[in-house]
Structure formats: C-alpha cells, structure tokens
Amino acid sequence: MPKKFTIAILASGGGTDAPPIIEMCRKEGIDIACILSNKDNNGALEKAKQYQVEGIFLDPVGKTREEYDRETVKILKDKNVDLVCLVGYKRIISSYFVKEYEGRILNVHPSLLPKYGGGMDRNVHQLVLDNGEKETGMTIHLVTEEVDGGEVLCQKSCLIDPNETVESLRNKVQDLEKKWYPEVVKEFRERRGS
C-alpha cells in the first residue's frame, strides 16, 4: 500500500485558504497533520478546531528565526509531513527550513509575481491600486531562499474594476486562491506518485 501523503498548513492570520485545502484533502485521501501558527487565538487555529485538525501555536517570542524554524521542522518531521503549505504565513523562513523541505514548500502570494514580490496582504493590493494596474491576481510558487522568487506553479489573474477598493480586490484575489491552491496541492501529490 502506498505511503500516505501528508501536508501541514502554516498560517499567521485568518487562514482563509485553509478550508478549501482541507476539504480537497479529505476528498482525495490526503492527511492533514496540523495547522501551525506563530500567532495565538487567530482565525487559522479556529479553523483547525472547526475542521478537527490539530492546531499548534508555536510561540516565536525570544527565539531567533532559525531557532523557531528548527522547532517547526522538528514538529513537521515528527508528523511525517511531505508538503508544507504556507497560507498567509507572515514569516520569512530561514535557509535551514528551506533546505530541510526543499522543493516541498508552497506559498501563495497576492499578486502576479514578479510584480509586488516581498509585499504582504493589504499592502500589495494598495500598491496595485495606487499604480493604476488593470489586472492583478495570485501566484502559487515553491519557496526558495529568495523571497517570492521560487518556481511559479500556478498564476491566475482578475480584472480590476474602476471603483475597486483594497477590500474588494482582496476578496477577488482570495477567491482565486481558494479555487486554485487545493488544485496545486492535488497536482503536487500526483506528481509525487503517492
């Protein structure tokens, strides 16, 4: 019998993209080891409870980036995690983490990379509007040591309406993320042959 394919979700905020990923995993027989967060009492950990997935708060206070990531990697390895999905994870991960899970860390970015790489969430949408862009979107990519510089696995765009606000644009982009992130995870598993 083939080894189970297991993912972990790392999130800092609301974990908006977690439910569609969890639902797809359950349908496809993919294990979800945990939702791990560097922030306590947030939407992502609430979603873990709601979906009966183990929620882990790992406190970063008083730890260097590498110390924190070593603890994170230990948890992931103890749970036999094959793929790490960053979902609004507002930490730049260390080279140690990248090397330990090379080619097996996905991130979603709320723009059409390489445009607006390095920015986060509402700041990106504000810049897109300030610069009068006609379209924006989201990019799912492999994580490397270069921030937002890994291989692009999926990129989808949406048009920007003349009366668009940061919030309405954020909702549009998140709708794309919710639709396509589960597909990328599924394809990743299929490519691995699990």
N, C-alpha and C. Protein backbone atom coordinates (compact mmCIF):
# COMPACT_ATOMS: atom_id res chain seq x y z
N MET A 1 0.86 -1.19 0.00
CA MET A 1 0.00 0.00 0.00
C MET A 1 0.89 1.24 0.00
N PRO A 2 0.60 2.24 -0.87
CA PRO A 2 1.48 3.42 -0.92
C PRO A 2 1.41 4.22 0.38
N LYS A 3 2.53 4.87 0.68
CA LYS A 3 2.62 5.70 1.88
C LYS A 3 1.60 6.84 1.77
N LYS A 4 0.99 7.16 2.88
CA LYS A 4 0.06 8.29 2.93
C LYS A 4 0.81 9.57 2.58
N PHE A 5 0.15 10.46 1.84
CA PHE A 5 0.71 11.77 1.55
C PHE A 5 0.16 12.73 2.60
N THR A 6 1.05 13.45 3.28
CA THR A 6 0.65 14.28 4.42
C THR A 6 1.09 15.72 4.20
N ILE A 7 0.19 16.65 4.48
CA ILE A 7 0.53 18.07 4.39
C ILE A 7 0.38 18.72 5.76
N ALA A 8 1.03 19.88 5.90
CA ALA A 8 0.81 20.75 7.06
C ALA A 8 0.53 22.14 6.51
N ILE A 9 -0.31 22.88 7.21
CA ILE A 9 -0.63 24.26 6.83
C ILE A 9 -0.01 25.18 7.87
N LEU A 10 0.74 26.17 7.41
CA LEU A 10 1.32 27.18 8.30
C LEU A 10 0.64 28.51 8.00
N ALA A 11 0.09 29.13 9.03
CA ALA A 11 -0.68 30.37 8.83
C ALA A 11 -0.48 31.31 10.01
N SER A 12 -0.53 32.61 9.72
CA SER A 12 -0.38 33.62 10.79
C SER A 12 -1.68 34.34 11.10
N GLY A 13 -2.62 34.31 10.16
CA GLY A 13 -3.83 35.13 10.34
C GLY A 13 -5.10 34.33 10.30
N GLY A 14 -5.98 34.71 9.38
CA GLY A 14 -7.31 34.10 9.32
C GLY A 14 -7.34 32.71 8.73
N GLY A 15 -6.29 32.34 8.00
CA GLY A 15 -6.27 31.00 7.39
C GLY A 15 -7.37 30.83 6.35
N THR A 16 -7.64 31.90 5.60
CA THR A 16 -8.74 31.91 4.62
C THR A 16 -8.67 30.75 3.63
N ASP A 17 -7.46 30.41 3.19
CA ASP A 17 -7.32 29.36 2.18
C ASP A 17 -7.33 27.96 2.77
N ALA A 18 -7.32 27.85 4.11
CA ALA A 18 -7.24 26.51 4.72
C ALA A 18 -8.47 25.64 4.45
N PRO A 19 -9.73 26.13 4.63
CA PRO A 19 -10.88 25.25 4.44
C PRO A 19 -10.94 24.56 3.08
N PRO A 20 -10.76 25.29 1.94
CA PRO A 20 -10.82 24.57 0.67
C PRO A 20 -9.69 23.54 0.51
N ILE A 21 -8.53 23.81 1.10
CA ILE A 21 -7.43 22.83 1.05
C ILE A 21 -7.82 21.60 1.87
N ILE A 22 -8.34 21.82 3.07
CA ILE A 22 -8.74 20.71 3.95
C ILE A 22 -9.83 19.87 3.27
N GLU A 23 -10.83 20.55 2.69
CA GLU A 23 -11.93 19.82 2.04
C GLU A 23 -11.42 18.97 0.89
N MET A 24 -10.52 19.52 0.07
CA MET A 24 -9.96 18.75 -1.05
C MET A 24 -9.17 17.55 -0.51
N CYS A 25 -8.36 17.78 0.53
CA CYS A 25 -7.54 16.69 1.10
C CYS A 25 -8.42 15.55 1.58
N ARG A 26 -9.51 15.89 2.23
CA ARG A 26 -10.40 14.83 2.75
C ARG A 26 -11.02 14.04 1.61
N LYS A 27 -11.35 14.73 0.53
CA LYS A 27 -11.94 14.06 -0.64
C LYS A 27 -10.91 13.15 -1.32
N GLU A 28 -9.66 13.61 -1.35
CA GLU A 28 -8.60 12.91 -2.09
C GLU A 28 -7.79 11.94 -1.23
N GLY A 29 -8.11 11.84 0.06
CA GLY A 29 -7.38 10.92 0.93
C GLY A 29 -5.99 11.39 1.30
N ILE A 30 -5.82 12.71 1.36
CA ILE A 30 -4.54 13.31 1.79
C ILE A 30 -4.65 13.63 3.28
N ASP A 31 -3.66 13.26 4.06
CA ASP A 31 -3.67 13.55 5.50
C ASP A 31 -3.27 14.99 5.77
N ILE A 32 -3.91 15.61 6.76
CA ILE A 32 -3.51 16.95 7.21
C ILE A 32 -2.96 16.79 8.61
N ALA A 33 -1.65 16.96 8.75
CA ALA A 33 -1.00 16.73 10.04
C ALA A 33 -1.43 17.78 11.06
N CYS A 34 -1.45 19.05 10.64
CA CYS A 34 -1.74 20.13 11.58
C CYS A 34 -1.87 21.45 10.85
N ILE A 35 -2.44 22.41 11.56
CA ILE A 35 -2.33 23.82 11.18
C ILE A 35 -1.46 24.44 12.27
N LEU A 36 -0.31 24.94 11.87
CA LEU A 36 0.64 25.52 12.83
C LEU A 36 0.67 27.03 12.64
N SER A 37 0.66 27.75 13.74
CA SER A 37 0.66 29.21 13.67
C SER A 37 1.65 29.83 14.63
N ASN A 38 2.21 30.97 14.23
CA ASN A 38 3.09 31.75 15.09
C ASN A 38 2.30 32.81 15.87
N LYS A 39 0.99 32.83 15.69
CA LYS A 39 0.13 33.77 16.43
C LYS A 39 -0.95 32.96 17.16
N ASP A 40 -1.20 33.34 18.39
CA ASP A 40 -2.21 32.64 19.19
C ASP A 40 -3.60 33.22 18.91
N ASN A 41 -4.62 32.42 19.16
CA ASN A 41 -6.02 32.87 19.04
C ASN A 41 -6.31 33.58 17.73
N ASN A 42 -6.05 32.92 16.62
CA ASN A 42 -6.35 33.55 15.34
C ASN A 42 -7.33 32.69 14.54
N GLY A 43 -7.73 33.20 13.40
CA GLY A 43 -8.70 32.50 12.55
C GLY A 43 -8.22 31.15 12.09
N ALA A 44 -6.92 31.04 11.81
CA ALA A 44 -6.38 29.76 11.32
C ALA A 44 -6.54 28.67 12.38
N LEU A 45 -6.24 28.99 13.63
CA LEU A 45 -6.39 27.99 14.70
C LEU A 45 -7.86 27.69 14.98
N GLU A 46 -8.72 28.69 14.79
CA GLU A 46 -10.17 28.47 14.90
C GLU A 46 -10.63 27.47 13.84
N LYS A 47 -10.09 27.64 12.61
CA LYS A 47 -10.46 26.73 11.52
C LYS A 47 -9.96 25.31 11.81
N ALA A 48 -8.80 25.21 12.46
CA ALA A 48 -8.29 23.88 12.85
C ALA A 48 -9.32 23.19 13.75
N LYS A 49 -9.82 23.94 14.74
CA LYS A 49 -10.85 23.39 15.66
C LYS A 49 -12.09 22.98 14.88
N GLN A 50 -12.54 23.91 14.05
CA GLN A 50 -13.77 23.70 13.28
C GLN A 50 -13.68 22.44 12.42
N TYR A 51 -12.52 22.20 11.83
CA TYR A 51 -12.35 21.05 10.92
C TYR A 51 -11.71 19.85 11.62
N GLN A 52 -11.57 19.93 12.93
CA GLN A 52 -10.99 18.84 13.73
C GLN A 52 -9.62 18.41 13.20
N VAL A 53 -8.80 19.43 12.95
CA VAL A 53 -7.40 19.24 12.57
C VAL A 53 -6.59 19.72 13.77
N GLU A 54 -5.47 19.10 14.06
CA GLU A 54 -4.67 19.55 15.19
C GLU A 54 -4.18 20.98 14.93
N GLY A 55 -4.43 21.87 15.89
CA GLY A 55 -3.94 23.25 15.81
C GLY A 55 -2.77 23.42 16.76
N ILE A 56 -1.69 23.97 16.26
CA ILE A 56 -0.50 24.14 17.10
C ILE A 56 -0.08 25.61 17.09
N PHE A 57 -0.01 26.20 18.27
CA PHE A 57 0.55 27.55 18.39
C PHE A 57 1.99 27.39 18.86
N LEU A 58 2.92 27.86 18.05
CA LEU A 58 4.34 27.81 18.40
C LEU A 58 4.79 29.26 18.61
N ASP A 59 5.08 29.59 19.85
CA ASP A 59 5.38 30.97 20.22
C ASP A 59 6.79 31.37 19.75
N PRO A 60 6.90 32.42 18.93
CA PRO A 60 8.21 32.84 18.45
C PRO A 60 8.99 33.74 19.42
N VAL A 61 8.34 34.17 20.51
CA VAL A 61 8.97 35.16 21.40
C VAL A 61 10.28 34.60 21.97
N GLY A 62 11.32 35.42 21.86
CA GLY A 62 12.62 35.06 22.43
C GLY A 62 13.43 34.07 21.62
N LYS A 63 12.97 33.76 20.39
CA LYS A 63 13.71 32.81 19.55
C LYS A 63 14.20 33.51 18.29
N THR A 64 15.38 33.12 17.84
CA THR A 64 15.85 33.62 16.53
C THR A 64 15.00 32.95 15.46
N ARG A 65 15.09 33.47 14.24
CA ARG A 65 14.34 32.88 13.14
C ARG A 65 14.70 31.41 12.97
N GLU A 66 16.01 31.11 13.05
CA GLU A 66 16.43 29.72 12.85
C GLU A 66 16.00 28.82 14.00
N GLU A 67 16.09 29.31 15.22
CA GLU A 67 15.64 28.51 16.37
C GLU A 67 14.16 28.15 16.22
N TYR A 68 13.38 29.15 15.83
CA TYR A 68 11.94 28.92 15.64
C TYR A 68 11.71 27.89 14.54
N ASP A 69 12.44 28.06 13.44
CA ASP A 69 12.24 27.15 12.31
C ASP A 69 12.72 25.74 12.62
N ARG A 70 13.76 25.61 13.43
CA ARG A 70 14.21 24.26 13.82
C ARG A 70 13.11 23.55 14.61
N GLU A 71 12.43 24.29 15.49
CA GLU A 71 11.31 23.71 16.25
C GLU A 71 10.17 23.33 15.31
N THR A 72 9.89 24.23 14.36
CA THR A 72 8.82 23.96 13.38
C THR A 72 9.14 22.71 12.58
N VAL A 73 10.35 22.63 12.05
CA VAL A 73 10.75 21.49 11.22
C VAL A 73 10.68 20.19 12.02
N LYS A 74 11.08 20.25 13.29
CA LYS A 74 11.03 19.04 14.13
C LYS A 74 9.57 18.55 14.24
N ILE A 75 8.64 19.47 14.47
CA ILE A 75 7.23 19.10 14.55
C ILE A 75 6.78 18.47 13.23
N LEU A 76 7.14 19.10 12.11
CA LEU A 76 6.71 18.61 10.80
C LEU A 76 7.29 17.23 10.50
N LYS A 77 8.56 17.04 10.84
CA LYS A 77 9.20 15.74 10.57
C LYS A 77 8.62 14.65 11.48
N ASP A 78 8.35 15.00 12.74
CA ASP A 78 7.73 14.03 13.65
C ASP A 78 6.37 13.57 13.13
N LYS A 79 5.71 14.44 12.35
CA LYS A 79 4.39 14.11 11.81
C LYS A 79 4.48 13.59 10.36
N ASN A 80 5.71 13.31 9.90
CA ASN A 80 5.92 12.78 8.54
C ASN A 80 5.28 13.64 7.45
N VAL A 81 5.44 14.96 7.57
CA VAL A 81 4.85 15.88 6.60
C VAL A 81 5.65 15.84 5.29
N ASP A 82 4.92 15.66 4.18
CA ASP A 82 5.53 15.62 2.86
C ASP A 82 5.55 17.00 2.19
N LEU A 83 4.52 17.80 2.48
CA LEU A 83 4.37 19.09 1.80
C LEU A 83 3.90 20.13 2.81
N VAL A 84 4.58 21.29 2.79
CA VAL A 84 4.24 22.40 3.69
C VAL A 84 3.53 23.47 2.87
N CYS A 85 2.33 23.86 3.30
CA CYS A 85 1.54 24.88 2.60
C CYS A 85 1.49 26.14 3.44
N LEU A 86 2.12 27.20 2.96
CA LEU A 86 2.08 28.48 3.65
C LEU A 86 0.82 29.22 3.19
N VAL A 87 0.01 29.62 4.15
CA VAL A 87 -1.26 30.28 3.87
C VAL A 87 -1.28 31.57 4.70
N GLY A 88 -0.86 32.69 4.09
CA GLY A 88 -0.79 33.93 4.87
C GLY A 88 0.14 33.77 6.07
N TYR A 89 1.27 33.11 5.83
CA TYR A 89 2.26 32.90 6.91
C TYR A 89 3.21 34.08 6.88
N LYS A 90 3.07 34.97 7.86
CA LYS A 90 3.80 36.25 7.81
C LYS A 90 5.16 36.14 8.48
N ARG A 91 5.92 35.15 8.04
CA ARG A 91 7.31 35.00 8.50
C ARG A 91 8.15 34.66 7.28
N ILE A 92 9.34 35.24 7.23
CA ILE A 92 10.29 34.83 6.19
C ILE A 92 11.01 33.61 6.76
N ILE A 93 10.91 32.49 6.08
CA ILE A 93 11.50 31.28 6.66
C ILE A 93 13.01 31.22 6.41
N SER A 94 13.70 30.58 7.33
CA SER A 94 15.16 30.54 7.30
C SER A 94 15.67 29.59 6.22
N SER A 95 16.96 29.74 5.88
CA SER A 95 17.56 28.84 4.89
C SER A 95 17.57 27.41 5.42
N TYR A 96 17.66 27.25 6.74
CA TYR A 96 17.60 25.91 7.34
C TYR A 96 16.28 25.23 6.96
N PHE A 97 15.16 25.92 7.15
CA PHE A 97 13.83 25.39 6.84
C PHE A 97 13.75 25.06 5.34
N VAL A 98 14.18 26.01 4.51
CA VAL A 98 14.12 25.81 3.06
C VAL A 98 14.90 24.56 2.66
N LYS A 99 16.09 24.39 3.22
CA LYS A 99 16.92 23.22 2.86
C LYS A 99 16.28 21.92 3.33
N GLU A 100 15.71 21.93 4.53
CA GLU A 100 15.10 20.70 5.06
C GLU A 100 13.88 20.25 4.25
N TYR A 101 13.17 21.21 3.67
CA TYR A 101 11.96 20.88 2.89
C TYR A 101 12.07 21.38 1.45
N GLU A 102 13.26 21.38 0.92
CA GLU A 102 13.49 21.91 -0.43
C GLU A 102 12.57 21.27 -1.46
N GLY A 103 11.93 22.14 -2.26
CA GLY A 103 11.03 21.65 -3.30
C GLY A 103 9.70 21.15 -2.76
N ARG A 104 9.46 21.33 -1.44
CA ARG A 104 8.24 20.81 -0.83
C ARG A 104 7.55 21.85 0.06
N ILE A 105 7.80 23.13 -0.23
CA ILE A 105 7.12 24.22 0.50
C ILE A 105 6.42 25.08 -0.54
N LEU A 106 5.11 25.23 -0.40
CA LEU A 106 4.32 26.08 -1.29
C LEU A 106 3.94 27.37 -0.56
N ASN A 107 3.89 28.44 -1.33
CA ASN A 107 3.40 29.71 -0.78
C ASN A 107 2.45 30.32 -1.80
N VAL A 108 1.47 31.06 -1.29
CA VAL A 108 0.58 31.81 -2.18
C VAL A 108 0.86 33.29 -1.94
N HIS A 109 1.02 34.02 -3.05
CA HIS A 109 1.30 35.46 -2.96
C HIS A 109 0.19 36.23 -3.66
N PRO A 110 -0.31 37.34 -3.05
CA PRO A 110 -1.48 38.02 -3.60
C PRO A 110 -1.16 39.02 -4.73
N SER A 111 -0.32 38.60 -5.67
CA SER A 111 -0.08 39.42 -6.86
C SER A 111 0.42 38.51 -7.97
N LEU A 112 0.58 39.08 -9.15
CA LEU A 112 1.14 38.33 -10.28
C LEU A 112 2.65 38.51 -10.24
N LEU A 113 3.31 37.63 -9.48
CA LEU A 113 4.77 37.73 -9.37
C LEU A 113 5.39 37.68 -10.78
N PRO A 114 6.50 38.37 -11.02
CA PRO A 114 7.36 39.02 -10.03
C PRO A 114 6.89 40.40 -9.55
N LYS A 115 5.76 40.88 -10.09
CA LYS A 115 5.25 42.18 -9.62
C LYS A 115 4.90 42.09 -8.14
N TYR A 116 5.28 43.10 -7.39
CA TYR A 116 4.93 43.26 -5.97
C TYR A 116 5.41 42.10 -5.08
N GLY A 117 6.51 41.49 -5.49
CA GLY A 117 7.12 40.47 -4.65
C GLY A 117 7.62 41.12 -3.36
N GLY A 118 7.59 40.36 -2.28
CA GLY A 118 8.09 40.87 -1.00
C GLY A 118 7.06 41.59 -0.17
N GLY A 119 5.95 42.00 -0.78
CA GLY A 119 4.89 42.68 -0.03
C GLY A 119 3.94 41.67 0.59
N MET A 120 3.06 42.15 1.47
CA MET A 120 2.10 41.25 2.11
C MET A 120 0.70 41.82 2.09
N ASP A 121 -0.26 40.95 1.84
CA ASP A 121 -1.68 41.17 2.02
C ASP A 121 -2.17 42.54 1.53
N ARG A 122 -2.77 43.33 2.44
CA ARG A 122 -3.41 44.60 2.03
C ARG A 122 -2.42 45.57 1.40
N ASN A 123 -1.16 45.54 1.85
CA ASN A 123 -0.15 46.45 1.28
C ASN A 123 0.01 46.23 -0.22
N VAL A 124 -0.03 44.95 -0.62
CA VAL A 124 0.11 44.61 -2.05
C VAL A 124 -1.07 45.16 -2.82
N HIS A 125 -2.29 44.93 -2.31
CA HIS A 125 -3.49 45.40 -3.01
C HIS A 125 -3.51 46.93 -3.11
N GLN A 126 -3.03 47.60 -2.05
CA GLN A 126 -2.97 49.07 -2.07
C GLN A 126 -2.01 49.55 -3.16
N LEU A 127 -0.85 48.91 -3.26
CA LEU A 127 0.13 49.27 -4.29
C LEU A 127 -0.43 49.05 -5.69
N VAL A 128 -1.11 47.94 -5.87
CA VAL A 128 -1.72 47.61 -7.17
C VAL A 128 -2.68 48.73 -7.57
N LEU A 129 -3.52 49.17 -6.62
CA LEU A 129 -4.48 50.25 -6.90
C LEU A 129 -3.76 51.58 -7.13
N ASP A 130 -2.78 51.87 -6.26
CA ASP A 130 -2.04 53.14 -6.39
C ASP A 130 -1.35 53.26 -7.74
N ASN A 131 -0.91 52.12 -8.29
CA ASN A 131 -0.18 52.13 -9.56
C ASN A 131 -1.08 52.02 -10.78
N GLY A 132 -2.40 52.03 -10.54
CA GLY A 132 -3.35 52.03 -11.66
C GLY A 132 -3.31 50.77 -12.51
N GLU A 133 -2.99 49.65 -11.91
CA GLU A 133 -2.95 48.38 -12.66
C GLU A 133 -4.36 48.04 -13.19
N LYS A 134 -4.38 47.38 -14.33
CA LYS A 134 -5.66 46.97 -14.93
C LYS A 134 -6.06 45.56 -14.47
N GLU A 135 -5.04 44.77 -14.08
CA GLU A 135 -5.33 43.43 -13.57
C GLU A 135 -4.33 43.07 -12.48
N THR A 136 -4.75 42.14 -11.67
CA THR A 136 -3.87 41.59 -10.64
C THR A 136 -4.20 40.12 -10.51
N GLY A 137 -3.82 39.50 -9.41
CA GLY A 137 -4.15 38.09 -9.27
C GLY A 137 -3.37 37.46 -8.14
N MET A 138 -3.11 36.15 -8.29
CA MET A 138 -2.36 35.45 -7.25
C MET A 138 -1.39 34.49 -7.91
N THR A 139 -0.34 34.18 -7.16
CA THR A 139 0.69 33.27 -7.63
C THR A 139 0.96 32.23 -6.55
N ILE A 140 0.95 30.97 -6.93
CA ILE A 140 1.37 29.89 -6.03
C ILE A 140 2.72 29.42 -6.52
N HIS A 141 3.70 29.43 -5.62
CA HIS A 141 5.07 29.13 -6.04
C HIS A 141 5.78 28.28 -5.01
N LEU A 142 6.86 27.64 -5.43
CA LEU A 142 7.72 26.93 -4.50
C LEU A 142 8.53 27.96 -3.72
N VAL A 143 8.80 27.68 -2.46
CA VAL A 143 9.57 28.60 -1.62
C VAL A 143 11.05 28.27 -1.74
N THR A 144 11.83 29.31 -1.99
CA THR A 144 13.29 29.20 -2.00
C THR A 144 13.84 30.25 -1.03
N GLU A 145 15.15 30.32 -0.94
CA GLU A 145 15.73 31.33 -0.04
C GLU A 145 15.49 32.75 -0.54
N GLU A 146 15.22 32.90 -1.83
CA GLU A 146 14.91 34.23 -2.36
C GLU A 146 13.42 34.48 -2.14
N VAL A 147 13.08 35.51 -1.38
CA VAL A 147 11.68 35.78 -1.04
C VAL A 147 10.85 35.97 -2.31
N ASP A 148 9.77 35.19 -2.41
CA ASP A 148 8.85 35.22 -3.56
C ASP A 148 9.56 34.96 -4.89
N GLY A 149 10.68 34.22 -4.82
CA GLY A 149 11.46 34.01 -6.04
C GLY A 149 11.44 32.58 -6.58
N GLY A 150 10.70 31.68 -5.93
CA GLY A 150 10.70 30.27 -6.35
C GLY A 150 9.88 30.03 -7.61
N GLU A 151 10.01 28.81 -8.14
CA GLU A 151 9.32 28.43 -9.38
C GLU A 151 7.81 28.63 -9.23
N VAL A 152 7.22 29.30 -10.23
CA VAL A 152 5.77 29.54 -10.24
C VAL A 152 5.06 28.27 -10.70
N LEU A 153 4.12 27.79 -9.88
CA LEU A 153 3.36 26.59 -10.22
C LEU A 153 1.98 26.93 -10.77
N CYS A 154 1.45 28.08 -10.37
CA CYS A 154 0.11 28.47 -10.81
C CYS A 154 -0.02 29.99 -10.67
N GLN A 155 -0.55 30.62 -11.72
CA GLN A 155 -0.77 32.06 -11.65
C GLN A 155 -2.11 32.34 -12.32
N LYS A 156 -3.00 33.02 -11.60
CA LYS A 156 -4.33 33.34 -12.13
C LYS A 156 -4.61 34.81 -11.89
N SER A 157 -5.27 35.43 -12.88
CA SER A 157 -5.48 36.88 -12.78
C SER A 157 -6.96 37.23 -12.74
N CYS A 158 -7.22 38.46 -12.29
CA CYS A 158 -8.57 39.01 -12.32
C CYS A 158 -8.46 40.48 -12.72
N LEU A 159 -9.53 40.99 -13.31
CA LEU A 159 -9.54 42.39 -13.73
C LEU A 159 -9.85 43.29 -12.54
N ILE A 160 -9.38 44.52 -12.62
CA ILE A 160 -9.62 45.49 -11.55
C ILE A 160 -10.68 46.47 -12.02
N ASP A 161 -11.77 46.56 -11.28
CA ASP A 161 -12.84 47.49 -11.63
C ASP A 161 -12.43 48.92 -11.29
N PRO A 162 -13.02 49.91 -11.99
CA PRO A 162 -12.67 51.31 -11.73
C PRO A 162 -12.93 51.74 -10.28
N ASN A 163 -13.96 51.16 -9.65
CA ASN A 163 -14.32 51.58 -8.27
C ASN A 163 -13.78 50.59 -7.23
N GLU A 164 -12.76 49.83 -7.58
CA GLU A 164 -12.22 48.80 -6.69
C GLU A 164 -11.64 49.41 -5.42
N THR A 165 -11.83 48.70 -4.29
CA THR A 165 -11.20 49.10 -3.03
C THR A 165 -10.19 48.00 -2.65
N VAL A 166 -9.38 48.29 -1.66
CA VAL A 166 -8.42 47.28 -1.19
C VAL A 166 -9.18 46.02 -0.77
N GLU A 167 -10.29 46.23 -0.05
CA GLU A 167 -11.06 45.09 0.47
C GLU A 167 -11.70 44.27 -0.66
N SER A 168 -12.29 44.96 -1.64
CA SER A 168 -12.96 44.22 -2.73
C SER A 168 -11.93 43.47 -3.57
N LEU A 169 -10.77 44.10 -3.74
CA LEU A 169 -9.70 43.46 -4.52
C LEU A 169 -9.16 42.25 -3.76
N ARG A 170 -8.99 42.42 -2.47
CA ARG A 170 -8.51 41.32 -1.63
C ARG A 170 -9.46 40.12 -1.73
N ASN A 171 -10.78 40.39 -1.69
CA ASN A 171 -11.77 39.31 -1.81
C ASN A 171 -11.67 38.59 -3.15
N LYS A 172 -11.49 39.36 -4.23
CA LYS A 172 -11.36 38.77 -5.57
C LYS A 172 -10.14 37.85 -5.64
N VAL A 173 -9.02 38.35 -5.11
CA VAL A 173 -7.78 37.58 -5.16
C VAL A 173 -7.90 36.34 -4.27
N GLN A 174 -8.52 36.51 -3.11
CA GLN A 174 -8.69 35.34 -2.22
C GLN A 174 -9.60 34.29 -2.85
N ASP A 175 -10.58 34.71 -3.63
CA ASP A 175 -11.43 33.74 -4.33
C ASP A 175 -10.59 32.89 -5.29
N LEU A 176 -9.63 33.53 -5.96
CA LEU A 176 -8.72 32.79 -6.85
C LEU A 176 -7.87 31.81 -6.05
N GLU A 177 -7.36 32.29 -4.91
CA GLU A 177 -6.51 31.45 -4.06
C GLU A 177 -7.29 30.22 -3.61
N LYS A 178 -8.53 30.43 -3.15
CA LYS A 178 -9.33 29.33 -2.62
C LYS A 178 -9.64 28.29 -3.70
N LYS A 179 -9.78 28.76 -4.93
CA LYS A 179 -10.08 27.85 -6.03
C LYS A 179 -8.83 27.06 -6.45
N TRP A 180 -7.70 27.74 -6.52
CA TRP A 180 -6.53 27.12 -7.16
C TRP A 180 -5.52 26.48 -6.21
N TYR A 181 -5.43 26.94 -4.96
CA TYR A 181 -4.45 26.35 -4.04
C TYR A 181 -4.71 24.84 -3.86
N PRO A 182 -5.98 24.42 -3.62
CA PRO A 182 -6.22 22.98 -3.49
C PRO A 182 -5.80 22.19 -4.73
N GLU A 183 -6.00 22.80 -5.92
CA GLU A 183 -5.63 22.12 -7.16
C GLU A 183 -4.12 21.90 -7.25
N VAL A 184 -3.36 22.91 -6.81
CA VAL A 184 -1.90 22.80 -6.86
C VAL A 184 -1.42 21.70 -5.90
N VAL A 185 -2.03 21.64 -4.71
CA VAL A 185 -1.67 20.60 -3.74
C VAL A 185 -1.96 19.22 -4.32
N LYS A 186 -3.12 19.09 -4.95
CA LYS A 186 -3.52 17.81 -5.55
C LYS A 186 -2.53 17.41 -6.65
N GLU A 187 -2.20 18.36 -7.52
CA GLU A 187 -1.25 18.08 -8.61
C GLU A 187 0.13 17.71 -8.05
N PHE A 188 0.53 18.37 -6.98
CA PHE A 188 1.83 18.10 -6.37
C PHE A 188 1.87 16.64 -5.90
N ARG A 189 0.80 16.20 -5.25
CA ARG A 189 0.72 14.82 -4.79
C ARG A 189 0.76 13.85 -5.97
N GLU A 190 0.03 14.18 -7.04
CA GLU A 190 0.00 13.30 -8.21
C GLU A 190 1.38 13.19 -8.85
N ARG A 191 2.10 14.33 -8.91
CA ARG A 191 3.46 14.31 -9.49
C ARG A 191 4.40 13.46 -8.64
N ARG A 192 4.15 13.46 -7.34
CA ARG A 192 4.99 12.65 -6.44
C ARG A 192 4.65 11.16 -6.52
N GLY A 193 3.51 10.87 -7.17
CA GLY A 193 3.12 9.47 -7.35
C GLY A 193 2.61 8.80 -6.09
N SER A 194 2.09 9.60 -5.13
CA SER A 194 1.56 8.98 -3.89
C SER A 194 0.10 8.64 -4.11
